[in-house]
Structure formats: structure tokens, C-alpha cells
PDB file of N, CA and C in Angstrom:
ATOM      1  N   MET A   1      76.733 -20.732 128.006  1.00  0.00           N
ATOM      2  CA  MET A   1      75.903 -20.081 129.006  1.00  0.00           C
ATOM      3  C   MET A   1      76.167 -20.728 130.360  1.00  0.00           C
ATOM      4  N   ARG A   2      76.364 -19.896 131.358  1.00  0.00           N
ATOM      5  CA  ARG A   2      76.610 -20.361 132.720  1.00  0.00           C
ATOM      6  C   ARG A   2      75.335 -20.163 133.544  1.00  0.00           C
ATOM      7  N   ILE A   3      74.831 -21.252 134.135  1.00  0.00           N
ATOM      8  CA  ILE A   3      73.578 -21.218 134.888  1.00  0.00           C
ATOM      9  C   ILE A   3      73.831 -21.591 136.338  1.00  0.00           C
ATOM     10  N   GLY A   4      73.326 -20.759 137.247  1.00  0.00           N
ATOM     11  CA  GLY A   4      73.374 -21.057 138.677  1.00  0.00           C
ATOM     12  C   GLY A   4      72.024 -21.585 139.122  1.00  0.00           C
ATOM     13  N   ILE A   5      72.039 -22.565 140.005  1.00  0.00           N
ATOM     14  CA  ILE A   5      70.792 -23.166 140.492  1.00  0.00           C
ATOM     15  C   ILE A   5      70.843 -23.235 142.018  1.00  0.00           C
ATOM     16  N   PHE A   6      69.760 -22.795 142.656  1.00  0.00           N
ATOM     17  CA  PHE A   6      69.657 -22.986 144.102  1.00  0.00           C
ATOM     18  C   PHE A   6      68.203 -23.044 144.524  1.00  0.00           C
ATOM     19  N   ALA A   7      67.983 -23.479 145.748  1.00  0.00           N
ATOM     20  CA  ALA A   7      66.622 -23.648 146.264  1.00  0.00           C
ATOM     21  C   ALA A   7      66.649 -23.651 147.784  1.00  0.00           C
ATOM     22  N   ASP A   8      65.471 -23.711 148.354  1.00  0.00           N
ATOM     23  CA  ASP A   8      65.290 -23.886 149.794  1.00  0.00           C
ATOM     24  C   ASP A   8      65.961 -22.800 150.635  1.00  0.00           C
ATOM     25  N   ALA A   9      65.672 -21.556 150.296  1.00  0.00           N
ATOM     26  CA  ALA A   9      66.224 -20.438 151.066  1.00  0.00           C
ATOM     27  C   ALA A   9      65.680 -20.431 152.494  1.00  0.00           C
ATOM     28  N   HIS A  10      64.409 -20.741 152.661  1.00  0.00           N
ATOM     29  CA  HIS A  10      63.766 -20.816 153.979  1.00  0.00           C
ATOM     30  C   HIS A  10      64.122 -19.639 154.890  1.00  0.00           C
ATOM     31  N   ASP A  11      64.072 -18.437 154.329  1.00  0.00           N
ATOM     32  CA  ASP A  11      64.319 -17.187 155.072  1.00  0.00           C
ATOM     33  C   ASP A  11      65.752 -17.021 155.580  1.00  0.00           C
ATOM     34  N   HIS A  12      66.686 -17.795 155.089  1.00  0.00           N
ATOM     35  CA  HIS A  12      68.094 -17.648 155.477  1.00  0.00           C
ATOM     36  C   HIS A  12      68.754 -16.611 154.573  1.00  0.00           C
ATOM     37  N   VAL A  13      68.544 -15.348 154.909  1.00  0.00           N
ATOM     38  CA  VAL A  13      69.007 -14.231 154.084  1.00  0.00           C
ATOM     39  C   VAL A  13      70.519 -14.272 153.882  1.00  0.00           C
ATOM     40  N   ASP A  14      71.266 -14.580 154.915  1.00  0.00           N
ATOM     41  CA  ASP A  14      72.724 -14.619 154.789  1.00  0.00           C
ATOM     42  C   ASP A  14      73.172 -15.669 153.780  1.00  0.00           C
ATOM     43  N   HIS A  15      72.508 -16.799 153.746  1.00  0.00           N
ATOM     44  CA  HIS A  15      72.863 -17.842 152.780  1.00  0.00           C
ATOM     45  C   HIS A  15      72.569 -17.378 151.351  1.00  0.00           C
ATOM     46  N   VAL A  16      71.455 -16.666 151.182  1.00  0.00           N
ATOM     47  CA  VAL A  16      71.109 -16.143 149.859  1.00  0.00           C
ATOM     48  C   VAL A  16      72.144 -15.112 149.430  1.00  0.00           C
ATOM     49  N   ARG A  17      72.578 -14.256 150.338  1.00  0.00           N
ATOM     50  CA  ARG A  17      73.613 -13.266 150.002  1.00  0.00           C
ATOM     51  C   ARG A  17      74.898 -13.943 149.544  1.00  0.00           C
ATOM     52  N   VAL A  18      75.283 -15.010 150.212  1.00  0.00           N
ATOM     53  CA  VAL A  18      76.486 -15.757 149.817  1.00  0.00           C
ATOM     54  C   VAL A  18      76.294 -16.353 148.424  1.00  0.00           C
ATOM     55  N   ALA A  19      75.137 -16.960 148.188  1.00  0.00           N
ATOM     56  CA  ALA A  19      74.859 -17.558 146.875  1.00  0.00           C
ATOM     57  C   ALA A  19      74.885 -16.498 145.778  1.00  0.00           C
ATOM     58  N   VAL A  20      74.270 -15.345 146.036  1.00  0.00           N
ATOM     59  CA  VAL A  20      74.262 -14.260 145.052  1.00  0.00           C
ATOM     60  C   VAL A  20      75.691 -13.827 144.737  1.00  0.00           C
ATOM     61  N   GLY A  21      76.521 -13.681 145.750  1.00  0.00           N
ATOM     62  CA  GLY A  21      77.919 -13.318 145.528  1.00  0.00           C
ATOM     63  C   GLY A  21      78.649 -14.348 144.680  1.00  0.00           C
ATOM     64  N   MET A  22      78.390 -15.619 144.949  1.00  0.00           N
ATOM     65  CA  MET A  22      79.035 -16.685 144.176  1.00  0.00           C
ATOM     66  C   MET A  22      78.567 -16.676 142.719  1.00  0.00           C
ATOM     67  N   PHE A  23      77.259 -16.481 142.504  1.00  0.00           N
ATOM     68  CA  PHE A  23      76.737 -16.442 141.143  1.00  0.00           C
ATOM     69  C   PHE A  23      77.304 -15.248 140.372  1.00  0.00           C
ATOM     70  N   ASN A  24      77.399 -14.094 141.032  1.00  0.00           N
ATOM     71  CA  ASN A  24      77.969 -12.914 140.375  1.00  0.00           C
ATOM     72  C   ASN A  24      79.455 -13.113 140.076  1.00  0.00           C
ATOM     73  N   GLN A  25      80.178 -13.679 141.011  1.00  0.00           N
ATOM     74  CA  GLN A  25      81.605 -13.929 140.807  1.00  0.00           C
ATOM     75  C   GLN A  25      81.828 -14.921 139.657  1.00  0.00           C
ATOM     76  N   ALA A  26      80.942 -15.902 139.540  1.00  0.00           N
ATOM     77  CA  ALA A  26      81.053 -16.900 138.473  1.00  0.00           C
ATOM     78  C   ALA A  26      80.537 -16.361 137.138  1.00  0.00           C
ATOM     79  N   ARG A  27      79.989 -15.166 137.155  1.00  0.00           N
ATOM     80  CA  ARG A  27      79.438 -14.515 135.963  1.00  0.00           C
ATOM     81  C   ARG A  27      78.341 -15.363 135.304  1.00  0.00           C
ATOM     82  N   CYS A  28      77.425 -15.811 136.133  1.00  0.00           N
ATOM     83  CA  CYS A  28      76.299 -16.591 135.610  1.00  0.00           C
ATOM     84  C   CYS A  28      75.465 -15.724 134.666  1.00  0.00           C
ATOM     85  N   ASP A  29      74.934 -16.364 133.648  1.00  0.00           N
ATOM     86  CA  ASP A  29      74.040 -15.699 132.701  1.00  0.00           C
ATOM     87  C   ASP A  29      72.586 -15.822 133.127  1.00  0.00           C
ATOM     88  N   LEU A  30      72.309 -16.802 133.961  1.00  0.00           N
ATOM     89  CA  LEU A  30      70.956 -17.073 134.414  1.00  0.00           C
ATOM     90  C   LEU A  30      71.028 -17.784 135.758  1.00  0.00           C
ATOM     91  N   VAL A  31      70.100 -17.446 136.666  1.00  0.00           N
ATOM     92  CA  VAL A  31      69.972 -18.168 137.931  1.00  0.00           C
ATOM     93  C   VAL A  31      68.558 -18.720 138.009  1.00  0.00           C
ATOM     94  N   LEU A  32      68.466 -19.993 138.328  1.00  0.00           N
ATOM     95  CA  LEU A  32      67.188 -20.651 138.541  1.00  0.00           C
ATOM     96  C   LEU A  32      67.010 -20.882 140.039  1.00  0.00           C
ATOM     97  N   PHE A  33      65.904 -20.387 140.576  1.00  0.00           N
ATOM     98  CA  PHE A  33      65.601 -20.610 141.986  1.00  0.00           C
ATOM     99  C   PHE A  33      64.446 -21.592 142.051  1.00  0.00           C
ATOM    100  N   ALA A  34      64.677 -22.747 142.657  1.00  0.00           N
ATOM    101  CA  ALA A  34      63.714 -23.849 142.626  1.00  0.00           C
ATOM    102  C   ALA A  34      62.832 -23.916 143.862  1.00  0.00           C
ATOM    103  N   GLY A  35      62.415 -22.775 144.360  1.00  0.00           N
ATOM    104  CA  GLY A  35      61.388 -22.753 145.378  1.00  0.00           C
ATOM    105  C   GLY A  35      61.829 -22.685 146.823  1.00  0.00           C
ATOM    106  N   ASP A  36      60.842 -22.407 147.641  1.00  0.00           N
ATOM    107  CA  ASP A  36      60.938 -22.223 149.085  1.00  0.00           C
ATOM    108  C   ASP A  36      61.666 -20.945 149.495  1.00  0.00           C
ATOM    109  N   PHE A  37      61.093 -19.823 149.033  1.00  0.00           N
ATOM    110  CA  PHE A  37      61.504 -18.528 149.568  1.00  0.00           C
ATOM    111  C   PHE A  37      61.094 -18.489 151.039  1.00  0.00           C
ATOM    112  N   CYS A  38      59.874 -18.896 151.300  1.00  0.00           N
ATOM    113  CA  CYS A  38      59.141 -18.863 152.568  1.00  0.00           C
ATOM    114  C   CYS A  38      58.505 -17.507 152.816  1.00  0.00           C
ATOM    115  N   SER A  39      59.247 -16.403 152.661  1.00  0.00           N
ATOM    116  CA  SER A  39      58.655 -15.081 152.828  1.00  0.00           C
ATOM    117  C   SER A  39      59.386 -14.080 151.920  1.00  0.00           C
ATOM    118  N   PRO A  40      58.840 -12.869 151.785  1.00  0.00           N
ATOM    119  CA  PRO A  40      59.438 -11.858 150.912  1.00  0.00           C
ATOM    120  C   PRO A  40      60.816 -11.360 151.364  1.00  0.00           C
ATOM    121  N   ILE A  41      61.241 -11.686 152.561  1.00  0.00           N
ATOM    122  CA  ILE A  41      62.535 -11.214 153.055  1.00  0.00           C
ATOM    123  C   ILE A  41      63.700 -11.703 152.188  1.00  0.00           C
ATOM    124  N   ILE A  42      63.481 -12.752 151.425  1.00  0.00           N
ATOM    125  CA  ILE A  42      64.517 -13.325 150.572  1.00  0.00           C
ATOM    126  C   ILE A  42      64.689 -12.540 149.276  1.00  0.00           C
ATOM    127  N   VAL A  43      63.692 -11.787 148.866  1.00  0.00           N
ATOM    128  CA  VAL A  43      63.735 -11.125 147.566  1.00  0.00           C
ATOM    129  C   VAL A  43      64.789 -10.013 147.460  1.00  0.00           C
ATOM    130  N   PRO A  44      64.924  -9.099 148.414  1.00  0.00           N
ATOM    131  CA  PRO A  44      65.904  -8.009 148.241  1.00  0.00           C
ATOM    132  C   PRO A  44      67.337  -8.448 147.915  1.00  0.00           C
ATOM    133  N   PRO A  45      67.890  -9.485 148.545  1.00  0.00           N
ATOM    134  CA  PRO A  45      69.242  -9.888 148.150  1.00  0.00           C
ATOM    135  C   PRO A  45      69.329 -10.358 146.695  1.00  0.00           C
ATOM    136  N   LEU A  46      68.227 -10.892 146.162  1.00  0.00           N
ATOM    137  CA  LEU A  46      68.227 -11.351 144.769  1.00  0.00           C
ATOM    138  C   LEU A  46      68.367 -10.192 143.793  1.00  0.00           C
ATOM    139  N   ARG A  47      68.010  -8.990 144.218  1.00  0.00           N
ATOM    140  CA  ARG A  47      68.126  -7.802 143.354  1.00  0.00           C
ATOM    141  C   ARG A  47      69.575  -7.481 143.018  1.00  0.00           C
ATOM    142  N   LYS A  48      70.501  -8.005 143.790  1.00  0.00           N
ATOM    143  CA  LYS A  48      71.922  -7.750 143.544  1.00  0.00           C
ATOM    144  C   LYS A  48      72.521  -8.671 142.485  1.00  0.00           C
ATOM    145  N   LEU A  49      71.735  -9.646 142.014  1.00  0.00           N
ATOM    146  CA  LEU A  49      72.227 -10.517 140.951  1.00  0.00           C
ATOM    147  C   LEU A  49      72.443  -9.708 139.677  1.00  0.00           C
ATOM    148  N   THR A  50      73.489 -10.024 138.965  1.00  0.00           N
ATOM    149  CA  THR A  50      73.815  -9.305 137.730  1.00  0.00           C
ATOM    150  C   THR A  50      73.315 -10.052 136.497  1.00  0.00           C
ATOM    151  N   CYS A  51      72.439 -11.013 136.697  1.00  0.00           N
ATOM    152  CA  CYS A  51      71.903 -11.786 135.577  1.00  0.00           C
ATOM    153  C   CYS A  51      70.401 -11.969 135.760  1.00  0.00           C
ATOM    154  N   LYS A  52      69.798 -12.579 134.768  1.00  0.00           N
ATOM    155  CA  LYS A  52      68.375 -12.882 134.800  1.00  0.00           C
ATOM    156  C   LYS A  52      68.095 -13.967 135.836  1.00  0.00           C
ATOM    157  N   VAL A  53      66.914 -13.886 136.462  1.00  0.00           N
ATOM    158  CA  VAL A  53      66.479 -14.875 137.450  1.00  0.00           C
ATOM    159  C   VAL A  53      65.122 -15.424 137.027  1.00  0.00           C
ATOM    160  N   ILE A  54      64.976 -16.729 137.124  1.00  0.00           N
ATOM    161  CA  ILE A  54      63.684 -17.382 136.921  1.00  0.00           C
ATOM    162  C   ILE A  54      63.443 -18.242 138.160  1.00  0.00           C
ATOM    163  N   ALA A  55      62.250 -18.135 138.732  1.00  0.00           N
ATOM    164  CA  ALA A  55      61.962 -18.842 139.980  1.00  0.00           C
ATOM    165  C   ALA A  55      60.645 -19.599 139.890  1.00  0.00           C
ATOM    166  N   CYS A  56      60.491 -20.568 140.760  1.00  0.00           N
ATOM    167  CA  CYS A  56      59.216 -21.269 140.890  1.00  0.00           C
ATOM    168  C   CYS A  56      58.864 -21.357 142.372  1.00  0.00           C
ATOM    169  N   TRP A  57      57.625 -21.672 142.628  1.00  0.00           N
ATOM    170  CA  TRP A  57      57.149 -21.800 144.000  1.00  0.00           C
ATOM    171  C   TRP A  57      57.614 -23.110 144.620  1.00  0.00           C
ATOM    172  N   GLY A  58      57.759 -23.087 145.934  1.00  0.00           N
ATOM    173  CA  GLY A  58      58.053 -24.295 146.684  1.00  0.00           C
ATOM    174  C   GLY A  58      56.860 -24.654 147.551  1.00  0.00           C
ATOM    175  N   ASP A  59      56.990 -25.681 148.330  1.00  0.00           N
ATOM    176  CA  ASP A  59      55.868 -26.119 149.169  1.00  0.00           C
ATOM    177  C   ASP A  59      55.813 -25.396 150.515  1.00  0.00           C
ATOM    178  N   ASN A  60      56.770 -24.508 150.780  1.00  0.00           N
ATOM    179  CA  ASN A  60      56.782 -23.772 152.049  1.00  0.00           C
ATOM    180  C   ASN A  60      56.660 -22.261 151.875  1.00  0.00           C
ATOM    181  N   ASP A  61      56.242 -21.812 150.708  1.00  0.00           N
ATOM    182  CA  ASP A  61      56.136 -20.378 150.465  1.00  0.00           C
ATOM    183  C   ASP A  61      54.836 -19.850 151.050  1.00  0.00           C
ATOM    184  N   GLY A  62      54.962 -18.903 151.973  1.00  0.00           N
ATOM    185  CA  GLY A  62      53.798 -18.387 152.673  1.00  0.00           C
ATOM    186  C   GLY A  62      53.170 -17.183 152.012  1.00  0.00           C
ATOM    187  N   ASN A  63      53.787 -16.040 152.124  1.00  0.00           N
ATOM    188  CA  ASN A  63      53.224 -14.781 151.640  1.00  0.00           C
ATOM    189  C   ASN A  63      53.469 -14.642 150.135  1.00  0.00           C
ATOM    190  N   ARG A  64      52.697 -15.353 149.355  1.00  0.00           N
ATOM    191  CA  ARG A  64      52.916 -15.357 147.901  1.00  0.00           C
ATOM    192  C   ARG A  64      52.673 -13.990 147.272  1.00  0.00           C
ATOM    193  N   ILE A  65      51.739 -13.234 147.799  1.00  0.00           N
ATOM    194  CA  ILE A  65      51.477 -11.903 147.255  1.00  0.00           C
ATOM    195  C   ILE A  65      52.701 -11.013 147.446  1.00  0.00           C
ATOM    196  N   GLY A  66      53.295 -11.043 148.625  1.00  0.00           N
ATOM    197  CA  GLY A  66      54.494 -10.252 148.896  1.00  0.00           C
ATOM    198  C   GLY A  66      55.684 -10.702 148.066  1.00  0.00           C
ATOM    199  N   ILE A  67      55.847 -12.007 147.928  1.00  0.00           N
ATOM    200  CA  ILE A  67      56.952 -12.550 147.132  1.00  0.00           C
ATOM    201  C   ILE A  67      56.770 -12.159 145.662  1.00  0.00           C
ATOM    202  N   GLU A  68      55.554 -12.306 145.149  1.00  0.00           N
ATOM    203  CA  GLU A  68      55.278 -11.928 143.759  1.00  0.00           C
ATOM    204  C   GLU A  68      55.575 -10.456 143.518  1.00  0.00           C
ATOM    205  N   GLY A  69      55.185  -9.611 144.463  1.00  0.00           N
ATOM    206  CA  GLY A  69      55.426  -8.180 144.334  1.00  0.00           C
ATOM    207  C   GLY A  69      56.902  -7.867 144.230  1.00  0.00           C
ATOM    208  N   GLY A  70      57.713  -8.478 145.080  1.00  0.00           N
ATOM    209  CA  GLY A  70      59.148  -8.252 145.033  1.00  0.00           C
ATOM    210  C   GLY A  70      59.787  -8.828 143.787  1.00  0.00           C
ATOM    211  N   MET A  71      59.299  -9.972 143.357  1.00  0.00           N
ATOM    212  CA  MET A  71      59.885 -10.634 142.194  1.00  0.00           C
ATOM    213  C   MET A  71      59.572  -9.922 140.890  1.00  0.00           C
ATOM    214  N   ARG A  72      58.629  -9.016 140.879  1.00  0.00           N
ATOM    215  CA  ARG A  72      58.369  -8.234 139.666  1.00  0.00           C
ATOM    216  C   ARG A  72      59.605  -7.455 139.233  1.00  0.00           C
ATOM    217  N   ILE A  73      60.424  -7.086 140.190  1.00  0.00           N
ATOM    218  CA  ILE A  73      61.659  -6.347 139.906  1.00  0.00           C
ATOM    219  C   ILE A  73      62.783  -7.313 139.508  1.00  0.00           C
ATOM    220  N   VAL A  74      62.789  -8.499 140.108  1.00  0.00           N
ATOM    221  CA  VAL A  74      63.907  -9.436 139.954  1.00  0.00           C
ATOM    222  C   VAL A  74      63.750 -10.324 138.730  1.00  0.00           C
ATOM    223  N   GLY A  75      62.598 -10.952 138.567  1.00  0.00           N
ATOM    224  CA  GLY A  75      62.385 -11.878 137.459  1.00  0.00           C
ATOM    225  C   GLY A  75      61.096 -12.652 137.644  1.00  0.00           C
ATOM    226  N   PRO A  76      60.732 -13.428 136.637  1.00  0.00           N
ATOM    227  CA  PRO A  76      59.456 -14.154 136.691  1.00  0.00           C
ATOM    228  C   PRO A  76      59.449 -15.282 137.713  1.00  0.00           C
ATOM    229  N   ILE A  77      58.241 -15.529 138.241  1.00  0.00           N
ATOM    230  CA  ILE A  77      58.042 -16.646 139.167  1.00  0.00           C
ATOM    231  C   ILE A  77      56.760 -17.346 138.757  1.00  0.00           C
ATOM    232  N   GLY A  78      56.778 -18.655 138.816  1.00  0.00           N
ATOM    233  CA  GLY A  78      55.589 -19.385 138.413  1.00  0.00           C
ATOM    234  C   GLY A  78      55.529 -20.747 139.026  1.00  0.00           C
TER     235      GLY A  78
END
């Protein structure tokens, strides 16, 4: 099983897009996101992942309701 791990997106959408491309190219079976989305703007690029995603909250996540709503499509967050 190939697992991708990343964290601290801090609303840097372009960086998340690059990471998603790398994870898809590497054919990851699972991606773990270790917190700090900061806002829901980070969620749409995660929808392009071709594998399962599991995420957790960070200490800088603001709009948790919005992030949770978007993550319902992508994968669990806790």
C-alpha cells in the first residue's frame, strides 16, 4: 500500500494542486492530511485525488462547518 502524507495547506491552493498531482502520479492508495486546511477553499482540489483521503483538524482551521461540508464528498475528517 502506498500512502501519501501532507499537512499545513494554509489556503495555498496551488500547493495542494501540486501535491494532489504527485499523489495521483505515484498511485497512492491512501492520503493522510494532518491538518491546517484553514478554510474550505482547500477542499475542491482534494476531490481530484484518485484514492481515499483521511484528514484531521489542525490548530489553524477556521470555518470548520464549511470544511466538514466539503469533506463529506472527499473523505472523513476528525
